[in-house]
Amino acid sequence: MKIKTITANWLHVPIPESGQHRSDFGKATSFDSTLIRIETDDGIVGYGESKAQVGSA
């Protein structure tokens, strides 16, 4: 089994009003996340997620 493809997608996710909070940086109305998709040459597909840091490209 070998990795065939890897894709990374940046997601900008809004936070519902009921889940928003305020900090020294202001009101959190959304967050960034990265969704990773890996496919093998056997056809197996897996997904992973990670929080994207401030200043992500």
PDB file of N, CA and C in Angstrom:
ATOM      1  N   MET A   1       0.855  -1.175   0.000  1.00  0.00           N
ATOM      2  CA  MET A   1       0.000   0.000   0.000  1.00  0.00           C
ATOM      3  C   MET A   1       0.901   1.238   0.000  1.00  0.00           C
ATOM      4  N   LYS A   2       0.624   2.156  -0.939  1.00  0.00           N
ATOM      5  CA  LYS A   2       1.368   3.409  -1.024  1.00  0.00           C
ATOM      6  C   LYS A   2       0.393   4.572  -1.113  1.00  0.00           C
ATOM      7  N   ILE A   3       0.820   5.716  -0.613  1.00  0.00           N
ATOM      8  CA  ILE A   3      -0.014   6.922  -0.714  1.00  0.00           C
ATOM      9  C   ILE A   3      -0.056   7.359  -2.167  1.00  0.00           C
ATOM     10  N   LYS A   4      -1.262   7.552  -2.673  1.00  0.00           N
ATOM     11  CA  LYS A   4      -1.477   7.977  -4.059  1.00  0.00           C
ATOM     12  C   LYS A   4      -1.641   9.494  -4.140  1.00  0.00           C
ATOM     13  N   THR A   5      -2.508  10.048  -3.288  1.00  0.00           N
ATOM     14  CA  THR A   5      -2.739  11.495  -3.298  1.00  0.00           C
ATOM     15  C   THR A   5      -2.940  12.018  -1.878  1.00  0.00           C
ATOM     16  N   ILE A   6      -2.524  13.256  -1.687  1.00  0.00           N
ATOM     17  CA  ILE A   6      -2.787  13.990  -0.449  1.00  0.00           C
ATOM     18  C   ILE A   6      -3.321  15.353  -0.854  1.00  0.00           C
ATOM     19  N   THR A   7      -4.462  15.732  -0.296  1.00  0.00           N
ATOM     20  CA  THR A   7      -5.004  17.067  -0.553  1.00  0.00           C
ATOM     21  C   THR A   7      -5.275  17.748   0.780  1.00  0.00           C
ATOM     22  N   ALA A   8      -5.049  19.047   0.802  1.00  0.00           N
ATOM     23  CA  ALA A   8      -5.303  19.852   1.997  1.00  0.00           C
ATOM     24  C   ALA A   8      -6.249  20.976   1.605  1.00  0.00           C
ATOM     25  N   ASN A   9      -7.321  21.144   2.362  1.00  0.00           N
ATOM     26  CA  ASN A   9      -8.300  22.193   2.093  1.00  0.00           C
ATOM     27  C   ASN A   9      -8.439  23.088   3.311  1.00  0.00           C
ATOM     28  N   TRP A  10      -8.298  24.379   3.082  1.00  0.00           N
ATOM     29  CA  TRP A  10      -8.481  25.376   4.136  1.00  0.00           C
ATOM     30  C   TRP A  10      -9.973  25.645   4.286  1.00  0.00           C
ATOM     31  N   LEU A  11     -10.455  25.635   5.519  1.00  0.00           N
ATOM     32  CA  LEU A  11     -11.864  25.894   5.809  1.00  0.00           C
ATOM     33  C   LEU A  11     -11.971  27.094   6.743  1.00  0.00           C
ATOM     34  N   HIS A  12     -12.865  28.005   6.430  1.00  0.00           N
ATOM     35  CA  HIS A  12     -13.167  29.146   7.292  1.00  0.00           C
ATOM     36  C   HIS A  12     -14.559  28.875   7.860  1.00  0.00           C
ATOM     37  N   VAL A  13     -14.632  28.581   9.154  1.00  0.00           N
ATOM     38  CA  VAL A  13     -15.859  28.089   9.780  1.00  0.00           C
ATOM     39  C   VAL A  13     -16.482  29.164  10.672  1.00  0.00           C
ATOM     40  N   PRO A  14     -17.721  29.591  10.367  1.00  0.00           N
ATOM     41  CA  PRO A  14     -18.391  30.554  11.242  1.00  0.00           C
ATOM     42  C   PRO A  14     -18.832  29.883  12.544  1.00  0.00           C
ATOM     43  N   ILE A  15     -18.786  30.638  13.635  1.00  0.00           N
ATOM     44  CA  ILE A  15     -19.240  30.148  14.936  1.00  0.00           C
ATOM     45  C   ILE A  15     -20.635  30.717  15.183  1.00  0.00           C
ATOM     46  N   PRO A  16     -21.625  29.864  15.494  1.00  0.00           N
ATOM     47  CA  PRO A  16     -22.971  30.370  15.787  1.00  0.00           C
ATOM     48  C   PRO A  16     -22.933  31.376  16.941  1.00  0.00           C
ATOM     49  N   GLU A  17     -23.826  32.330  16.932  1.00  0.00           N
ATOM     50  CA  GLU A  17     -23.884  33.391  17.955  1.00  0.00           C
ATOM     51  C   GLU A  17     -23.825  32.808  19.370  1.00  0.00           C
ATOM     52  N   SER A  18     -24.517  31.690  19.590  1.00  0.00           N
ATOM     53  CA  SER A  18     -24.573  31.090  20.932  1.00  0.00           C
ATOM     54  C   SER A  18     -23.225  30.518  21.381  1.00  0.00           C
ATOM     55  N   GLY A  19     -22.305  30.267  20.443  1.00  0.00           N
ATOM     56  CA  GLY A  19     -21.010  29.696  20.792  1.00  0.00           C
ATOM     57  C   GLY A  19     -19.860  30.682  20.747  1.00  0.00           C
ATOM     58  N   GLN A  20     -20.130  31.919  20.398  1.00  0.00           N
ATOM     59  CA  GLN A  20     -19.079  32.929  20.295  1.00  0.00           C
ATOM     60  C   GLN A  20     -18.617  33.369  21.684  1.00  0.00           C
ATOM     61  N   HIS A  21     -17.350  33.747  21.781  1.00  0.00           N
ATOM     62  CA  HIS A  21     -16.815  34.237  23.051  1.00  0.00           C
ATOM     63  C   HIS A  21     -15.908  35.441  22.794  1.00  0.00           C
ATOM     64  N   ARG A  22     -15.616  36.169  23.836  1.00  0.00           N
ATOM     65  CA  ARG A  22     -14.776  37.365  23.735  1.00  0.00           C
ATOM     66  C   ARG A  22     -13.493  37.142  24.543  1.00  0.00           C
ATOM     67  N   SER A  23     -12.391  37.621  23.987  1.00  0.00           N
ATOM     68  CA  SER A  23     -11.100  37.555  24.678  1.00  0.00           C
ATOM     69  C   SER A  23     -10.372  38.881  24.474  1.00  0.00           C
ATOM     70  N   ASP A  24      -9.101  38.927  24.875  1.00  0.00           N
ATOM     71  CA  ASP A  24      -8.290  40.131  24.664  1.00  0.00           C
ATOM     72  C   ASP A  24      -8.139  40.458  23.179  1.00  0.00           C
ATOM     73  N   PHE A  25      -8.337  39.465  22.320  1.00  0.00           N
ATOM     74  CA  PHE A  25      -8.188  39.647  20.878  1.00  0.00           C
ATOM     75  C   PHE A  25      -9.488  40.070  20.204  1.00  0.00           C
ATOM     76  N   GLY A  26     -10.572  40.162  20.962  1.00  0.00           N
ATOM     77  CA  GLY A  26     -11.869  40.538  20.408  1.00  0.00           C
ATOM     78  C   GLY A  26     -12.838  39.371  20.431  1.00  0.00           C
ATOM     79  N   LYS A  27     -13.938  39.519  19.718  1.00  0.00           N
ATOM     80  CA  LYS A  27     -14.981  38.503  19.685  1.00  0.00           C
ATOM     81  C   LYS A  27     -14.646  37.447  18.630  1.00  0.00           C
ATOM     82  N   ALA A  28     -14.708  36.179  19.025  1.00  0.00           N
ATOM     83  CA  ALA A  28     -14.438  35.075  18.107  1.00  0.00           C
ATOM     84  C   ALA A  28     -15.722  34.722  17.370  1.00  0.00           C
ATOM     85  N   THR A  29     -15.785  35.062  16.091  1.00  0.00           N
ATOM     86  CA  THR A  29     -16.977  34.795  15.282  1.00  0.00           C
ATOM     87  C   THR A  29     -16.749  33.680  14.268  1.00  0.00           C
ATOM     88  N   SER A  30     -15.487  33.234  14.127  1.00  0.00           N
ATOM     89  CA  SER A  30     -15.155  32.160  13.190  1.00  0.00           C
ATOM     90  C   SER A  30     -13.787  31.586  13.560  1.00  0.00           C
ATOM     91  N   PHE A  31     -13.438  30.462  12.931  1.00  0.00           N
ATOM     92  CA  PHE A  31     -12.097  29.905  13.098  1.00  0.00           C
ATOM     93  C   PHE A  31     -11.676  29.240  11.796  1.00  0.00           C
ATOM     94  N   ASP A  32     -10.369  29.078  11.641  1.00  0.00           N
ATOM     95  CA  ASP A  32      -9.819  28.432  10.457  1.00  0.00           C
ATOM     96  C   ASP A  32      -9.402  27.010  10.802  1.00  0.00           C
ATOM     97  N   SER A  33      -9.590  26.118   9.839  1.00  0.00           N
ATOM     98  CA  SER A  33      -9.252  24.723  10.028  1.00  0.00           C
ATOM     99  C   SER A  33      -8.707  24.179   8.708  1.00  0.00           C
ATOM    100  N   THR A  34      -7.952  23.093   8.784  1.00  0.00           N
ATOM    101  CA  THR A  34      -7.435  22.440   7.590  1.00  0.00           C
ATOM    102  C   THR A  34      -7.959  21.009   7.559  1.00  0.00           C
ATOM    103  N   LEU A  35      -8.549  20.612   6.430  1.00  0.00           N
ATOM    104  CA  LEU A  35      -9.044  19.252   6.238  1.00  0.00           C
ATOM    105  C   LEU A  35      -8.089  18.542   5.284  1.00  0.00           C
ATOM    106  N   ILE A  36      -7.521  17.417   5.727  1.00  0.00           N
ATOM    107  CA  ILE A  36      -6.565  16.648   4.941  1.00  0.00           C
ATOM    108  C   ILE A  36      -7.239  15.365   4.452  1.00  0.00           C
ATOM    109  N   ARG A  37      -7.051  15.045   3.161  1.00  0.00           N
ATOM    110  CA  ARG A  37      -7.581  13.805   2.581  1.00  0.00           C
ATOM    111  C   ARG A  37      -6.406  13.027   2.002  1.00  0.00           C
ATOM    112  N   ILE A  38      -6.276  11.769   2.408  1.00  0.00           N
ATOM    113  CA  ILE A  38      -5.210  10.899   1.909  1.00  0.00           C
ATOM    114  C   ILE A  38      -5.852   9.684   1.251  1.00  0.00           C
ATOM    115  N   GLU A  39      -5.366   9.349   0.041  1.00  0.00           N
ATOM    116  CA  GLU A  39      -5.870   8.180  -0.677  1.00  0.00           C
ATOM    117  C   GLU A  39      -4.693   7.278  -1.021  1.00  0.00           C
ATOM    118  N   THR A  40      -4.880   5.964  -0.831  1.00  0.00           N
ATOM    119  CA  THR A  40      -3.826   5.004  -1.160  1.00  0.00           C
ATOM    120  C   THR A  40      -4.088   4.396  -2.534  1.00  0.00           C
ATOM    121  N   ASP A  41      -3.067   3.701  -3.043  1.00  0.00           N
ATOM    122  CA  ASP A  41      -3.230   3.030  -4.334  1.00  0.00           C
ATOM    123  C   ASP A  41      -4.182   1.840  -4.238  1.00  0.00           C
ATOM    124  N   ASP A  42      -4.543   1.418  -3.020  1.00  0.00           N
ATOM    125  CA  ASP A  42      -5.538   0.356  -2.818  1.00  0.00           C
ATOM    126  C   ASP A  42      -6.961   0.900  -2.763  1.00  0.00           C
ATOM    127  N   GLY A  43      -7.110   2.226  -2.846  1.00  0.00           N
ATOM    128  CA  GLY A  43      -8.435   2.837  -2.816  1.00  0.00           C
ATOM    129  C   GLY A  43      -8.920   3.226  -1.429  1.00  0.00           C
ATOM    130  N   ILE A  44      -8.087   3.053  -0.412  1.00  0.00           N
ATOM    131  CA  ILE A  44      -8.467   3.447   0.946  1.00  0.00           C
ATOM    132  C   ILE A  44      -8.334   4.960   1.071  1.00  0.00           C
ATOM    133  N   VAL A  45      -9.359   5.593   1.651  1.00  0.00           N
ATOM    134  CA  VAL A  45      -9.364   7.043   1.832  1.00  0.00           C
ATOM    135  C   VAL A  45      -9.477   7.349   3.321  1.00  0.00           C
ATOM    136  N   GLY A  46      -8.651   8.276   3.785  1.00  0.00           N
ATOM    137  CA  GLY A  46      -8.707   8.709   5.174  1.00  0.00           C
ATOM    138  C   GLY A  46      -8.713  10.219   5.254  1.00  0.00           C
ATOM    139  N   TYR A  47      -9.289  10.735   6.330  1.00  0.00           N
ATOM    140  CA  TYR A  47      -9.385  12.181   6.535  1.00  0.00           C
ATOM    141  C   TYR A  47      -8.789  12.552   7.883  1.00  0.00           C
ATOM    142  N   GLY A  48      -8.242  13.749   7.956  1.00  0.00           N
ATOM    143  CA  GLY A  48      -7.738  14.293   9.206  1.00  0.00           C
ATOM    144  C   GLY A  48      -8.050  15.775   9.249  1.00  0.00           C
ATOM    145  N   GLU A  49      -8.075  16.335  10.450  1.00  0.00           N
ATOM    146  CA  GLU A  49      -8.421  17.752  10.622  1.00  0.00           C
ATOM    147  C   GLU A  49      -7.438  18.372  11.588  1.00  0.00           C
ATOM    148  N   SER A  50      -7.117  19.633  11.345  1.00  0.00           N
ATOM    149  CA  SER A  50      -6.208  20.351  12.226  1.00  0.00           C
ATOM    150  C   SER A  50      -6.607  21.810  12.282  1.00  0.00           C
ATOM    151  N   LYS A  51      -6.409  22.419  13.434  1.00  0.00           N
ATOM    152  CA  LYS A  51      -6.686  23.846  13.569  1.00  0.00           C
ATOM    153  C   LYS A  51      -5.606  24.609  12.823  1.00  0.00           C
ATOM    154  N   ALA A  52      -6.013  25.526  11.971  1.00  0.00           N
ATOM    155  CA  ALA A  52      -5.063  26.371  11.251  1.00  0.00           C
ATOM    156  C   ALA A  52      -4.701  27.557  12.131  1.00  0.00           C
ATOM    157  N   GLN A  53      -3.434  27.876  12.209  1.00  0.00           N
ATOM    158  CA  GLN A  53      -2.968  28.975  13.044  1.00  0.00           C
ATOM    159  C   GLN A  53      -3.174  30.316  12.352  1.00  0.00           C
ATOM    160  N   VAL A  54      -3.105  31.374  13.115  1.00  0.00           N
ATOM    161  CA  VAL A  54      -3.222  32.726  12.574  1.00  0.00           C
ATOM    162  C   VAL A  54      -2.127  32.931  11.539  1.00  0.00           C
ATOM    163  N   GLY A  55      -2.495  33.525  10.420  1.00  0.00           N
ATOM    164  CA  GLY A  55      -1.527  33.793   9.367  1.00  0.00           C
ATOM    165  C   GLY A  55      -1.314  32.626   8.429  1.00  0.00           C
ATOM    166  N   SER A  56      -2.214  31.658   8.427  1.00  0.00           N
ATOM    167  CA  SER A  56      -2.087  30.525   7.517  1.00  0.00           C
ATOM    168  C   SER A  56      -2.145  31.011   6.080  1.00  0.00           C
ATOM    169  N   ALA A  57      -1.373  30.372   5.228  1.00  0.00           N
ATOM    170  CA  ALA A  57      -1.365  30.758   3.809  1.00  0.00           C
ATOM    171  C   ALA A  57      -2.373  29.935   3.039  1.00  0.00           C
TER     172      ALA A  57
END
